Amino acid sequence: MGNRDAVAKAIHHAGRERCSLNIVLCDDNHDDCEYYARLLESIAQKSGLDIRLTTYENGQNFLFDLEDMEAMPDIVFLDVVMPKLGGMAVARKLSEKNFAGAVVFLSVSREYAFEAFDVRAFNYVLKTDDSDGSRFRRVFLEAVSAVEERKTRYIQINGITERLNIPIDDICYFEVRGRVCVVHFNLSREKTLPGTEQTIDFLSPLGKLENMLLQYGFLRTHRSFLVNCAYVQSYTYTSITLSNGVEVPLGRAKRTSFLEAMDARATVHVTEHDET
């Protein structure tokens, strides 16, 4: 096998041709739901976006249908206050399913903005009677850009027995076993189901991977582990539980930087329409 470095030299990006986006809008206020649906369709048409929009007037129906969707939504707009199952509860359910898209909350109040920290919302938009929807448009297009960027990122792993291009967001963690590095990833839609994880053995210093993937939310949690923070479900001072149930160690030397990084990830922007 020699000493060849078997990881790609750079992160690859696919072509920038725009793909179809699955959008979900969930708002129990019928008038608001119709308004934002029309606004989304209008923005998409003017921006040359191909979207498939599905609307719901309660979170329960959305989560029920989610199980049978061919593909997870790319962007989900959630009204915060809805009967039985509010937007925050729906977002937590999405997080449990390792939802990798963008969640945007819609609300008439700032009251729930800090709660959105817990579910790592992409944005929090305050509703208004302002008919031009300029702020909503900006948030939507920013979410589109973020989703498109995520969809075009992958890393080429030249494994010991095979070569594979793996989407970065499908990588859960790397670990070192002796002289071999192992990438744990999951290409299935339901990433929390047991038995759906895949692995590839390859040769590469973990430090090189760390430098390459730091900007994409990967953190060194131990001398032998590099973790995708998007998969972190919970953690203590000595270990981290990932959304697939795997527990990885949190080394003492890495604890402070990990905790600081997780705190920094818990941010949300509150966007308000201009009042006229």
C-alpha atoms as a PDB file:
ATOM      1  CA  MET A   1       0.000   0.000   0.000  1.00  0.00           C
ATOM      2  CA  GLY A   2       2.961   2.272   0.496  1.00  0.00           C
ATOM      3  CA  ASN A   3       2.699   5.712   2.033  1.00  0.00           C
ATOM      4  CA  ARG A   4       0.443   7.275  -0.560  1.00  0.00           C
ATOM      5  CA  ASP A   5      -2.038   9.787   0.780  1.00  0.00           C
ATOM      6  CA  ALA A   6      -5.380   8.355  -0.307  1.00  0.00           C
ATOM      7  CA  VAL A   7      -7.669  11.298   0.354  1.00  0.00           C
ATOM      8  CA  ALA A   8      -8.561  13.826  -2.321  1.00  0.00           C
ATOM      9  CA  LYS A   9      -6.349  16.901  -2.492  1.00  0.00           C
ATOM     10  CA  ALA A  10      -9.318  19.243  -2.449  1.00  0.00           C
ATOM     11  CA  ILE A  11     -13.028  19.449  -1.899  1.00  0.00           C
ATOM     12  CA  HIS A  12     -14.785  19.003  -5.220  1.00  0.00           C
ATOM     13  CA  HIS A  13     -17.792  21.017  -6.303  1.00  0.00           C
ATOM     14  CA  ALA A  14     -20.256  19.751  -8.853  1.00  0.00           C
ATOM     15  CA  GLY A  15     -21.436  21.919 -11.723  1.00  0.00           C
ATOM     16  CA  ARG A  16     -23.444  24.967 -10.769  1.00  0.00           C
ATOM     17  CA  GLU A  17     -26.495  24.013 -12.840  1.00  0.00           C
ATOM     18  CA  ARG A  18     -29.478  24.610 -10.603  1.00  0.00           C
ATOM     19  CA  CYS A  19     -31.439  21.609  -9.456  1.00  0.00           C
ATOM     20  CA  SER A  20     -35.067  21.312  -8.416  1.00  0.00           C
ATOM     21  CA  LEU A  21     -35.741  22.293  -4.811  1.00  0.00           C
ATOM     22  CA  ASN A  22     -38.339  20.723  -2.536  1.00  0.00           C
ATOM     23  CA  ILE A  23     -39.977  23.404  -0.401  1.00  0.00           C
ATOM     24  CA  VAL A  24     -42.423  22.867   2.459  1.00  0.00           C
ATOM     25  CA  LEU A  25     -44.533  25.668   3.922  1.00  0.00           C
ATOM     26  CA  CYS A  26     -46.396  24.897   7.140  1.00  0.00           C
ATOM     27  CA  ASP A  27     -48.667  27.565   8.632  1.00  0.00           C
ATOM     28  CA  ASP A  28     -52.014  27.052  10.367  1.00  0.00           C
ATOM     29  CA  ASN A  29     -53.187  30.521   9.334  1.00  0.00           C
ATOM     30  CA  HIS A  30     -54.862  29.889   5.972  1.00  0.00           C
ATOM     31  CA  ASP A  31     -54.419  33.451   4.721  1.00  0.00           C
ATOM     32  CA  ASP A  32     -50.740  33.537   5.710  1.00  0.00           C
ATOM     33  CA  CYS A  33     -50.175  30.148   4.112  1.00  0.00           C
ATOM     34  CA  GLU A  34     -51.680  31.316   0.829  1.00  0.00           C
ATOM     35  CA  TYR A  35     -49.766  34.603   0.963  1.00  0.00           C
ATOM     36  CA  TYR A  36     -46.360  32.992   1.492  1.00  0.00           C
ATOM     37  CA  ALA A  37     -47.108  30.274  -1.067  1.00  0.00           C
ATOM     38  CA  ARG A  38     -47.851  32.909  -3.708  1.00  0.00           C
ATOM     39  CA  LEU A  39     -44.769  34.831  -2.671  1.00  0.00           C
ATOM     40  CA  LEU A  40     -42.539  31.756  -2.954  1.00  0.00           C
ATOM     41  CA  GLU A  41     -43.898  30.902  -6.392  1.00  0.00           C
ATOM     42  CA  SER A  42     -43.399  34.493  -7.549  1.00  0.00           C
ATOM     43  CA  ILE A  43     -39.831  34.710  -6.238  1.00  0.00           C
ATOM     44  CA  ALA A  44     -38.976  31.354  -7.782  1.00  0.00           C
ATOM     45  CA  GLN A  45     -40.348  32.367 -11.172  1.00  0.00           C
ATOM     46  CA  LYS A  46     -38.523  35.700 -11.201  1.00  0.00           C
ATOM     47  CA  SER A  47     -35.274  34.073 -10.024  1.00  0.00           C
ATOM     48  CA  GLY A  48     -35.381  31.174 -12.452  1.00  0.00           C
ATOM     49  CA  LEU A  49     -35.766  28.575  -9.704  1.00  0.00           C
ATOM     50  CA  ASP A  50     -37.421  25.213 -10.175  1.00  0.00           C
ATOM     51  CA  ILE A  51     -39.287  24.527  -6.940  1.00  0.00           C
ATOM     52  CA  ARG A  52     -41.793  21.928  -5.831  1.00  0.00           C
ATOM     53  CA  LEU A  53     -43.874  23.556  -3.126  1.00  0.00           C
ATOM     54  CA  THR A  54     -46.039  21.606  -0.693  1.00  0.00           C
ATOM     55  CA  THR A  55     -48.179  23.447   1.857  1.00  0.00           C
ATOM     56  CA  TYR A  56     -49.585  22.267   5.174  1.00  0.00           C
ATOM     57  CA  GLU A  57     -51.788  23.938   7.744  1.00  0.00           C
ATOM     58  CA  ASN A  58     -50.579  21.782  10.644  1.00  0.00           C
ATOM     59  CA  GLY A  59     -47.316  20.158  11.620  1.00  0.00           C
ATOM     60  CA  GLN A  60     -48.763  16.698  12.225  1.00  0.00           C
ATOM     61  CA  ASN A  61     -49.790  16.185   8.605  1.00  0.00           C
ATOM     62  CA  PHE A  62     -46.378  17.341   7.421  1.00  0.00           C
ATOM     63  CA  LEU A  63     -44.521  14.879   9.652  1.00  0.00           C
ATOM     64  CA  PHE A  64     -46.909  12.089   8.654  1.00  0.00           C
ATOM     65  CA  ASP A  65     -46.293  12.723   4.945  1.00  0.00           C
ATOM     66  CA  LEU A  66     -42.557  13.089   5.528  1.00  0.00           C
ATOM     67  CA  GLU A  67     -42.219   9.343   6.042  1.00  0.00           C
ATOM     68  CA  ASP A  68     -43.374   8.675   2.465  1.00  0.00           C
ATOM     69  CA  MET A  69     -41.591  11.509   0.687  1.00  0.00           C
ATOM     70  CA  GLU A  70     -39.171  10.357  -1.999  1.00  0.00           C
ATOM     71  CA  ALA A  71     -36.693  13.024  -0.920  1.00  0.00           C
ATOM     72  CA  MET A  72     -36.346  15.148   2.180  1.00  0.00           C
ATOM     73  CA  PRO A  73     -37.358  18.813   1.766  1.00  0.00           C
ATOM     74  CA  ASP A  74     -34.563  21.251   1.046  1.00  0.00           C
ATOM     75  CA  ILE A  75     -36.166  24.232   2.792  1.00  0.00           C
ATOM     76  CA  VAL A  76     -38.938  24.163   5.398  1.00  0.00           C
ATOM     77  CA  PHE A  77     -40.862  27.280   6.439  1.00  0.00           C
ATOM     78  CA  LEU A  78     -42.580  26.769   9.800  1.00  0.00           C
ATOM     79  CA  ASP A  79     -45.067  28.942  11.617  1.00  0.00           C
ATOM     80  CA  VAL A  80     -43.927  28.964  15.230  1.00  0.00           C
ATOM     81  CA  VAL A  81     -47.338  28.859  16.930  1.00  0.00           C
ATOM     82  CA  MET A  82     -49.647  26.122  15.665  1.00  0.00           C
ATOM     83  CA  PRO A  83     -52.187  23.994  17.578  1.00  0.00           C
ATOM     84  CA  LYS A  84     -51.101  20.585  18.926  1.00  0.00           C
ATOM     85  CA  LEU A  85     -47.663  20.615  17.299  1.00  0.00           C
ATOM     86  CA  GLY A  86     -45.894  23.958  16.995  1.00  0.00           C
ATOM     87  CA  GLY A  87     -43.070  24.857  14.665  1.00  0.00           C
ATOM     88  CA  MET A  88     -40.357  24.310  17.275  1.00  0.00           C
ATOM     89  CA  ALA A  89     -41.601  20.780  17.969  1.00  0.00           C
ATOM     90  CA  VAL A  90     -41.693  20.022  14.246  1.00  0.00           C
ATOM     91  CA  ALA A  91     -38.133  21.321  13.860  1.00  0.00           C
ATOM     92  CA  ARG A  92     -36.946  19.054  16.676  1.00  0.00           C
ATOM     93  CA  LYS A  93     -38.552  16.068  14.961  1.00  0.00           C
ATOM     94  CA  LEU A  94     -36.714  17.027  11.777  1.00  0.00           C
ATOM     95  CA  SER A  95     -33.462  17.261  13.718  1.00  0.00           C
ATOM     96  CA  GLU A  96     -33.996  13.741  15.054  1.00  0.00           C
ATOM     97  CA  LYS A  97     -34.193  12.581  11.442  1.00  0.00           C
ATOM     98  CA  ASN A  98     -30.909  14.376  10.751  1.00  0.00           C
ATOM     99  CA  PHE A  99     -32.577  16.887   8.444  1.00  0.00           C
ATOM    100  CA  ALA A 100     -29.808  18.632   6.511  1.00  0.00           C
ATOM    101  CA  GLY A 101     -31.872  21.359   4.841  1.00  0.00           C
ATOM    102  CA  ALA A 102     -32.762  24.859   6.009  1.00  0.00           C
ATOM    103  CA  VAL A 103     -35.483  25.612   8.559  1.00  0.00           C
ATOM    104  CA  VAL A 104     -36.947  29.118   8.517  1.00  0.00           C
ATOM    105  CA  PHE A 105     -39.386  30.124  11.245  1.00  0.00           C
ATOM    106  CA  LEU A 106     -42.259  32.534  10.653  1.00  0.00           C
ATOM    107  CA  SER A 107     -43.725  34.398  13.603  1.00  0.00           C
ATOM    108  CA  VAL A 108     -45.545  37.557  14.619  1.00  0.00           C
ATOM    109  CA  SER A 109     -43.309  37.902  17.670  1.00  0.00           C
ATOM    110  CA  ARG A 110     -39.649  37.834  18.662  1.00  0.00           C
ATOM    111  CA  GLU A 111     -40.664  35.819  21.731  1.00  0.00           C
ATOM    112  CA  TYR A 112     -39.507  32.479  20.338  1.00  0.00           C
ATOM    113  CA  ALA A 113     -36.337  33.651  18.590  1.00  0.00           C
ATOM    114  CA  PHE A 114     -33.976  32.394  21.292  1.00  0.00           C
ATOM    115  CA  GLU A 115     -35.702  29.013  21.333  1.00  0.00           C
ATOM    116  CA  ALA A 116     -34.728  28.694  17.673  1.00  0.00           C
ATOM    117  CA  PHE A 117     -31.094  28.503  18.836  1.00  0.00           C
ATOM    118  CA  ASP A 118     -31.739  24.961  20.047  1.00  0.00           C
ATOM    119  CA  VAL A 119     -32.822  23.695  16.640  1.00  0.00           C
ATOM    120  CA  ARG A 120     -30.196  25.641  14.663  1.00  0.00           C
ATOM    121  CA  ALA A 121     -32.694  27.445  12.481  1.00  0.00           C
ATOM    122  CA  PHE A 122     -31.417  29.033   9.300  1.00  0.00           C
ATOM    123  CA  ASN A 123     -33.415  32.160  10.005  1.00  0.00           C
ATOM    124  CA  TYR A 124     -36.350  33.583  11.943  1.00  0.00           C
ATOM    125  CA  VAL A 125     -38.623  35.937  10.035  1.00  0.00           C
ATOM    126  CA  LEU A 126     -41.052  38.250  11.759  1.00  0.00           C
ATOM    127  CA  LYS A 127     -44.373  38.393   9.927  1.00  0.00           C
ATOM    128  CA  THR A 128     -45.762  41.731   8.826  1.00  0.00           C
ATOM    129  CA  ASP A 129     -48.543  43.215   6.753  1.00  0.00           C
ATOM    130  CA  ASP A 130     -45.865  44.619   4.414  1.00  0.00           C
ATOM    131  CA  SER A 131     -46.987  43.405   1.003  1.00  0.00           C
ATOM    132  CA  ASP A 132     -43.694  43.622  -0.900  1.00  0.00           C
ATOM    133  CA  GLY A 133     -42.102  40.691   0.960  1.00  0.00           C
ATOM    134  CA  SER A 134     -38.584  42.015   0.345  1.00  0.00           C
ATOM    135  CA  ARG A 135     -37.124  40.605   3.551  1.00  0.00           C
ATOM    136  CA  PHE A 136     -38.787  37.245   3.059  1.00  0.00           C
ATOM    137  CA  ARG A 137     -37.401  37.165  -0.471  1.00  0.00           C
ATOM    138  CA  ARG A 138     -33.860  37.785   0.782  1.00  0.00           C
ATOM    139  CA  VAL A 139     -34.090  35.040   3.395  1.00  0.00           C
ATOM    140  CA  PHE A 140     -35.514  32.577   0.880  1.00  0.00           C
ATOM    141  CA  LEU A 141     -32.785  33.246  -1.683  1.00  0.00           C
ATOM    142  CA  GLU A 142     -30.090  32.993   0.998  1.00  0.00           C
ATOM    143  CA  ALA A 143     -31.509  29.621   2.005  1.00  0.00           C
ATOM    144  CA  VAL A 144     -31.520  28.527  -1.644  1.00  0.00           C
ATOM    145  CA  SER A 145     -27.854  29.487  -1.992  1.00  0.00           C
ATOM    146  CA  ALA A 146     -26.942  27.591   1.169  1.00  0.00           C
ATOM    147  CA  VAL A 147     -28.821  24.480   0.049  1.00  0.00           C
ATOM    148  CA  GLU A 148     -27.333  24.566  -3.453  1.00  0.00           C
ATOM    149  CA  GLU A 149     -23.839  24.945  -2.006  1.00  0.00           C
ATOM    150  CA  ARG A 150     -24.421  21.984   0.292  1.00  0.00           C
ATOM    151  CA  LYS A 151     -25.708  19.832  -2.556  1.00  0.00           C
ATOM    152  CA  THR A 152     -22.612  20.399  -4.697  1.00  0.00           C
ATOM    153  CA  ARG A 153     -19.940  19.596  -2.090  1.00  0.00           C
ATOM    154  CA  TYR A 154     -18.288  16.225  -1.965  1.00  0.00           C
ATOM    155  CA  ILE A 155     -14.925  14.721  -1.105  1.00  0.00           C
ATOM    156  CA  GLN A 156     -13.194  12.018  -3.080  1.00  0.00           C
ATOM    157  CA  ILE A 157     -11.930   9.159  -0.932  1.00  0.00           C
ATOM    158  CA  ASN A 158      -9.410   6.848  -2.557  1.00  0.00           C
ATOM    159  CA  GLY A 159      -9.940   3.842  -0.353  1.00  0.00           C
ATOM    160  CA  ILE A 160      -7.737   0.800   0.002  1.00  0.00           C
ATOM    161  CA  THR A 161     -10.179  -1.268  -2.055  1.00  0.00           C
ATOM    162  CA  GLU A 162     -12.398   1.317  -3.771  1.00  0.00           C
ATOM    163  CA  ARG A 163     -12.735   4.974  -4.747  1.00  0.00           C
ATOM    164  CA  LEU A 164     -15.849   6.976  -3.948  1.00  0.00           C
ATOM    165  CA  ASN A 165     -17.105  10.560  -4.109  1.00  0.00           C
ATOM    166  CA  ILE A 166     -18.989  11.166  -0.857  1.00  0.00           C
ATOM    167  CA  PRO A 167     -21.208  14.214  -0.213  1.00  0.00           C
ATOM    168  CA  ILE A 168     -19.659  16.029   2.719  1.00  0.00           C
ATOM    169  CA  ASP A 169     -22.974  16.342   4.533  1.00  0.00           C
ATOM    170  CA  ASP A 170     -23.396  12.556   4.434  1.00  0.00           C
ATOM    171  CA  ILE A 171     -20.185  12.002   6.403  1.00  0.00           C
ATOM    172  CA  CYS A 172     -20.831  11.399  10.089  1.00  0.00           C
ATOM    173  CA  TYR A 173     -17.284  11.058  11.389  1.00  0.00           C
ATOM    174  CA  PHE A 174     -13.749   9.842  10.732  1.00  0.00           C
ATOM    175  CA  GLU A 175     -11.763   7.663  13.084  1.00  0.00           C
ATOM    176  CA  VAL A 176      -8.209   6.344  13.116  1.00  0.00           C
ATOM    177  CA  ARG A 177      -7.577   2.650  13.707  1.00  0.00           C
ATOM    178  CA  GLY A 178      -3.870   2.025  13.858  1.00  0.00           C
ATOM    179  CA  ARG A 179      -2.458   3.324  10.564  1.00  0.00           C
ATOM    180  CA  VAL A 180      -5.814   3.251   8.802  1.00  0.00           C
ATOM    181  CA  CYS A 181      -8.364   6.071   8.668  1.00  0.00           C
ATOM    182  CA  VAL A 182     -12.031   5.059   8.480  1.00  0.00           C
ATOM    183  CA  VAL A 183     -14.790   7.304   7.143  1.00  0.00           C
ATOM    184  CA  HIS A 184     -18.295   6.603   8.448  1.00  0.00           C
ATOM    185  CA  PHE A 185     -21.009   7.887   6.133  1.00  0.00           C
ATOM    186  CA  ASN A 186     -24.638   7.320   5.256  1.00  0.00           C
ATOM    187  CA  LEU A 187     -26.140   7.879   1.821  1.00  0.00           C
ATOM    188  CA  SER A 188     -29.648   6.780   2.795  1.00  0.00           C
ATOM    189  CA  ARG A 189     -32.471   9.276   3.379  1.00  0.00           C
ATOM    190  CA  GLU A 190     -33.212   8.010   6.895  1.00  0.00           C
ATOM    191  CA  LYS A 191     -29.805   8.450   8.467  1.00  0.00           C
ATOM    192  CA  THR A 192     -30.768   7.413  11.994  1.00  0.00           C
ATOM    193  CA  LEU A 193     -31.840   3.877  11.078  1.00  0.00           C
ATOM    194  CA  PRO A 194     -29.419   1.196  12.308  1.00  0.00           C
ATOM    195  CA  GLY A 195     -27.566  -0.733   9.653  1.00  0.00           C
ATOM    196  CA  THR A 196     -27.592   2.035   7.038  1.00  0.00           C
ATOM    197  CA  GLU A 197     -24.082   3.347   7.776  1.00  0.00           C
ATOM    198  CA  GLN A 198     -21.231   2.601   5.381  1.00  0.00           C
ATOM    199  CA  THR A 199     -17.476   2.765   5.896  1.00  0.00           C
ATOM    200  CA  ILE A 200     -14.359   2.974   3.750  1.00  0.00           C
ATOM    201  CA  ASP A 201     -10.792   2.382   4.936  1.00  0.00           C
ATOM    202  CA  PHE A 202      -8.105   4.639   3.490  1.00  0.00           C
ATOM    203  CA  LEU A 203      -4.718   6.134   4.300  1.00  0.00           C
ATOM    204  CA  SER A 204      -4.482   9.766   5.344  1.00  0.00           C
ATOM    205  CA  PRO A 205      -3.369  11.821   8.354  1.00  0.00           C
ATOM    206  CA  LEU A 206      -6.388  12.895  10.395  1.00  0.00           C
ATOM    207  CA  GLY A 207      -4.835  16.339  10.751  1.00  0.00           C
ATOM    208  CA  LYS A 208      -4.986  16.882   7.000  1.00  0.00           C
ATOM    209  CA  LEU A 209      -8.669  15.986   6.964  1.00  0.00           C
ATOM    210  CA  GLU A 210      -9.247  18.312   9.898  1.00  0.00           C
ATOM    211  CA  ASN A 211      -7.708  21.268   8.045  1.00  0.00           C
ATOM    212  CA  MET A 212      -9.657  20.433   4.899  1.00  0.00           C
ATOM    213  CA  LEU A 213     -13.050  20.026   6.561  1.00  0.00           C
ATOM    214  CA  LEU A 214     -12.964  22.579   9.390  1.00  0.00           C
ATOM    215  CA  GLN A 215     -14.869  25.132   7.292  1.00  0.00           C
ATOM    216  CA  TYR A 216     -17.621  22.549   6.723  1.00  0.00           C
ATOM    217  CA  GLY A 217     -18.395  22.025  10.403  1.00  0.00           C
ATOM    218  CA  PHE A 218     -16.043  19.159  11.283  1.00  0.00           C
ATOM    219  CA  LEU A 219     -14.261  19.215  14.636  1.00  0.00           C
ATOM    220  CA  ARG A 220     -11.477  17.140  16.142  1.00  0.00           C
ATOM    221  CA  THR A 221     -12.976  15.709  19.333  1.00  0.00           C
ATOM    222  CA  HIS A 222     -10.154  13.297  20.157  1.00  0.00           C
ATOM    223  CA  ARG A 223      -6.770  12.454  18.707  1.00  0.00           C
ATOM    224  CA  SER A 224      -8.479   9.593  16.837  1.00  0.00           C
ATOM    225  CA  PHE A 225     -11.839  11.182  15.918  1.00  0.00           C
ATOM    226  CA  LEU A 226     -13.026  13.930  13.574  1.00  0.00           C
ATOM    227  CA  VAL A 227     -16.781  14.568  13.855  1.00  0.00           C
ATOM    228  CA  ASN A 228     -19.348  16.328  11.674  1.00  0.00           C
ATOM    229  CA  CYS A 229     -21.046  18.677  14.154  1.00  0.00           C
ATOM    230  CA  ALA A 230     -24.330  18.433  12.256  1.00  0.00           C
ATOM    231  CA  TYR A 231     -24.641  14.883  13.609  1.00  0.00           C
ATOM    232  CA  VAL A 232     -24.078  15.784  17.268  1.00  0.00           C
ATOM    233  CA  GLN A 233     -27.179  14.851  19.258  1.00  0.00           C
ATOM    234  CA  SER A 234     -25.900  15.418  22.798  1.00  0.00           C
ATOM    235  CA  TYR A 235     -22.658  15.516  24.727  1.00  0.00           C
ATOM    236  CA  THR A 236     -21.093  15.379  28.168  1.00  0.00           C
ATOM    237  CA  TYR A 237     -17.629  16.428  29.276  1.00  0.00           C
ATOM    238  CA  THR A 238     -16.187  13.089  28.206  1.00  0.00           C
ATOM    239  CA  SER A 239     -18.272  11.798  25.299  1.00  0.00           C
ATOM    240  CA  ILE A 240     -20.449  12.784  22.353  1.00  0.00           C
ATOM    241  CA  THR A 241     -23.570  10.962  21.193  1.00  0.00           C
ATOM    242  CA  LEU A 242     -24.293  11.231  17.482  1.00  0.00           C
ATOM    243  CA  SER A 243     -27.735  11.165  15.884  1.00  0.00           C
ATOM    244  CA  ASN A 244     -27.221   7.563  14.760  1.00  0.00           C
ATOM    245  CA  GLY A 245     -26.636   6.473  18.360  1.00  0.00           C
ATOM    246  CA  VAL A 246     -22.857   6.122  18.078  1.00  0.00           C
ATOM    247  CA  GLU A 247     -20.872   7.431  21.043  1.00  0.00           C
ATOM    248  CA  VAL A 248     -17.428   8.911  20.435  1.00  0.00           C
ATOM    249  CA  PRO A 249     -14.930  10.181  23.022  1.00  0.00           C
ATOM    250  CA  LEU A 250     -14.381  13.844  23.813  1.00  0.00           C
ATOM    251  CA  GLY A 251     -10.747  14.247  24.772  1.00  0.00           C
ATOM    252  CA  ARG A 252      -9.735  16.606  27.535  1.00  0.00           C
ATOM    253  CA  ALA A 253      -7.415  18.535  25.217  1.00  0.00           C
ATOM    254  CA  LYS A 254     -10.255  19.047  22.710  1.00  0.00           C
ATOM    255  CA  ARG A 255     -13.044  19.791  25.182  1.00  0.00           C
ATOM    256  CA  THR A 256     -12.789  23.581  25.322  1.00  0.00           C
ATOM    257  CA  SER A 257     -12.571  24.091  21.561  1.00  0.00           C
ATOM    258  CA  PHE A 258     -15.470  21.679  20.997  1.00  0.00           C
ATOM    259  CA  LEU A 259     -17.739  23.384  23.540  1.00  0.00           C
ATOM    260  CA  GLU A 260     -16.908  26.814  22.133  1.00  0.00           C
ATOM    261  CA  ALA A 261     -17.640  25.632  18.608  1.00  0.00           C
ATOM    262  CA  MET A 262     -20.976  24.127  19.611  1.00  0.00           C
ATOM    263  CA  ASP A 263     -21.943  27.364  21.355  1.00  0.00           C
ATOM    264  CA  ALA A 264     -20.998  29.316  18.234  1.00  0.00           C
ATOM    265  CA  ARG A 265     -23.173  27.045  16.079  1.00  0.00           C
ATOM    266  CA  ALA A 266     -26.217  27.821  18.223  1.00  0.00           C
ATOM    267  CA  THR A 267     -26.921  31.128  16.486  1.00  0.00           C
ATOM    268  CA  VAL A 268     -29.937  32.463  14.669  1.00  0.00           C
ATOM    269  CA  HIS A 269     -30.624  35.680  12.796  1.00  0.00           C
ATOM    270  CA  VAL A 270     -33.862  37.506  13.500  1.00  0.00           C
ATOM    271  CA  THR A 271     -35.076  39.197  10.341  1.00  0.00           C
ATOM    272  CA  GLU A 272     -37.841  41.761  10.397  1.00  0.00           C
ATOM    273  CA  HIS A 273     -39.708  43.322   7.499  1.00  0.00           C
ATOM    274  CA  ASP A 274     -39.460  47.072   7.195  1.00  0.00           C
ATOM    275  CA  GLU A 275     -42.552  48.629   8.635  1.00  0.00           C
ATOM    276  CA  THR A 276     -44.200  51.171   6.426  1.00  0.00           C
END
